[in-house]
Amino acid sequence: MKTFQLFFLLLLLALSAALPARALAQPDLEERVSNLEHRVSSDQEDVGVAVLFCATFLALWAQNTGRNAWLWFFLDLFFSVIVVFVMLYKNSNDKKAGRK
């Protein structure tokens, strides 16, 4: 029984010694907010690259099907999700009609 008490006492002592060191290791509020802002801005950059890639793809599709490539490019920049669904609908109608 004394070994258990000694082990428990040593465990509590080790945990209490580790708590202040851990509290000091955490970054302050300003640094944490700065990290979050950086993470959000990098996520927005990723979304921007994806929208630009999609707009370029739609412009290429429009050019290959005889449609106005610039119109589809700018439509996708402003209404990206909606325009992709419209493009899929138009593409399926083209396939049904036998157009390329």
Protein backbone atom coordinates (compact mmCIF):
# COMPACT_ATOMS: atom_id res chain seq x y z
CA MET A 1 0.00 0.00 0.00
CA LYS A 2 2.87 2.35 0.78
CA THR A 3 4.31 1.80 -2.69
CA PHE A 4 1.03 2.87 -4.23
CA GLN A 5 0.95 6.01 -2.11
CA LEU A 6 4.56 6.79 -2.97
CA PHE A 7 3.88 6.24 -6.69
CA PHE A 8 0.78 8.45 -6.54
CA LEU A 9 2.71 11.19 -4.71
CA LEU A 10 5.53 11.09 -7.27
CA LEU A 11 3.00 11.22 -10.11
CA LEU A 12 1.30 14.28 -8.61
CA LEU A 13 4.67 15.93 -8.08
CA ALA A 14 5.70 15.30 -11.69
CA LEU A 15 2.40 16.61 -13.05
CA SER A 16 2.50 19.72 -10.89
CA ALA A 17 6.04 20.46 -12.04
CA ALA A 18 5.04 20.04 -15.69
CA LEU A 19 1.99 22.31 -15.54
CA PRO A 20 3.75 25.69 -15.20
CA ALA A 21 6.25 24.79 -17.94
CA ARG A 22 3.40 23.83 -20.22
CA ALA A 23 1.51 27.04 -19.45
CA LEU A 24 4.60 29.09 -20.30
CA ALA A 25 5.07 27.21 -23.57
CA GLN A 26 1.65 28.24 -24.94
CA PRO A 27 1.78 31.28 -27.24
CA ASP A 28 0.16 34.48 -26.11
CA LEU A 29 -3.16 35.68 -27.49
CA GLU A 30 -1.66 38.04 -30.05
CA GLU A 31 0.49 35.31 -31.57
CA ARG A 32 -2.46 32.90 -31.70
CA VAL A 33 -4.64 35.49 -33.47
CA SER A 34 -1.83 36.20 -35.93
CA ASN A 35 -1.52 32.48 -36.69
CA LEU A 36 -5.28 32.22 -37.30
CA GLU A 37 -5.23 35.23 -39.62
CA HIS A 38 -2.38 33.70 -41.59
CA ARG A 39 -4.23 30.39 -41.85
CA VAL A 40 -7.43 32.11 -43.09
CA SER A 41 -5.56 34.17 -45.69
CA SER A 42 -3.77 31.10 -47.03
CA ASP A 43 -7.11 29.25 -47.28
CA GLN A 44 -8.57 32.16 -49.25
CA GLU A 45 -5.60 32.04 -51.62
CA ASP A 46 -6.26 28.34 -52.22
CA VAL A 47 -9.90 29.03 -53.03
CA GLY A 48 -8.88 31.83 -55.40
CA VAL A 49 -6.51 29.52 -57.26
CA ALA A 50 -9.24 26.87 -57.55
CA VAL A 51 -11.77 29.40 -58.92
CA LEU A 52 -9.22 30.71 -61.43
CA PHE A 53 -8.42 27.16 -62.55
CA CYS A 54 -12.12 26.37 -62.93
CA ALA A 55 -12.73 29.61 -64.88
CA THR A 56 -9.86 28.76 -67.23
CA PHE A 57 -11.25 25.26 -67.74
CA LEU A 58 -14.71 26.64 -68.52
CA ALA A 59 -13.24 29.14 -70.99
CA LEU A 60 -11.45 26.29 -72.76
CA TRP A 61 -14.65 24.23 -72.80
CA ALA A 62 -16.61 27.19 -74.20
CA GLN A 63 -14.03 27.79 -76.90
CA ASN A 64 -14.09 24.12 -77.93
CA THR A 65 -17.90 24.09 -78.16
CA GLY A 66 -18.20 27.33 -80.13
CA ARG A 67 -19.34 29.49 -77.24
CA ASN A 68 -17.90 32.82 -76.03
CA ALA A 69 -14.86 31.88 -73.90
CA TRP A 70 -14.51 35.31 -72.25
CA LEU A 71 -18.16 35.33 -71.19
CA TRP A 72 -17.87 31.92 -69.55
CA PHE A 73 -14.55 32.84 -67.92
CA PHE A 74 -15.95 35.96 -66.24
CA LEU A 75 -19.25 34.29 -65.38
CA ASP A 76 -17.31 31.62 -63.52
CA LEU A 77 -15.22 34.20 -61.67
CA PHE A 78 -18.37 35.83 -60.30
CA PHE A 79 -20.79 32.87 -60.01
CA SER A 80 -18.42 29.91 -59.81
CA VAL A 81 -20.60 27.14 -58.35
CA ILE A 82 -23.75 28.01 -60.31
CA VAL A 83 -21.88 28.33 -63.61
CA VAL A 84 -20.28 24.90 -63.20
CA PHE A 85 -23.73 23.30 -62.89
CA VAL A 86 -24.99 25.27 -65.90
CA MET A 87 -21.97 24.07 -67.88
CA LEU A 88 -22.67 20.46 -66.93
CA TYR A 89 -26.30 20.85 -67.98
CA LYS A 90 -25.35 22.43 -71.33
CA ASN A 91 -22.71 19.78 -71.92
CA SER A 92 -25.22 16.97 -71.33
CA ASN A 93 -27.66 18.64 -73.76
CA ASP A 94 -24.88 18.90 -76.35
CA LYS A 95 -24.10 15.21 -75.97
CA LYS A 96 -27.78 14.31 -76.40
CA ALA A 97 -28.01 16.48 -79.52
CA GLY A 98 -24.85 14.88 -80.94
CA ARG A 99 -22.78 18.07 -80.85
CA LYS A 100 -19.19 18.00 -79.75
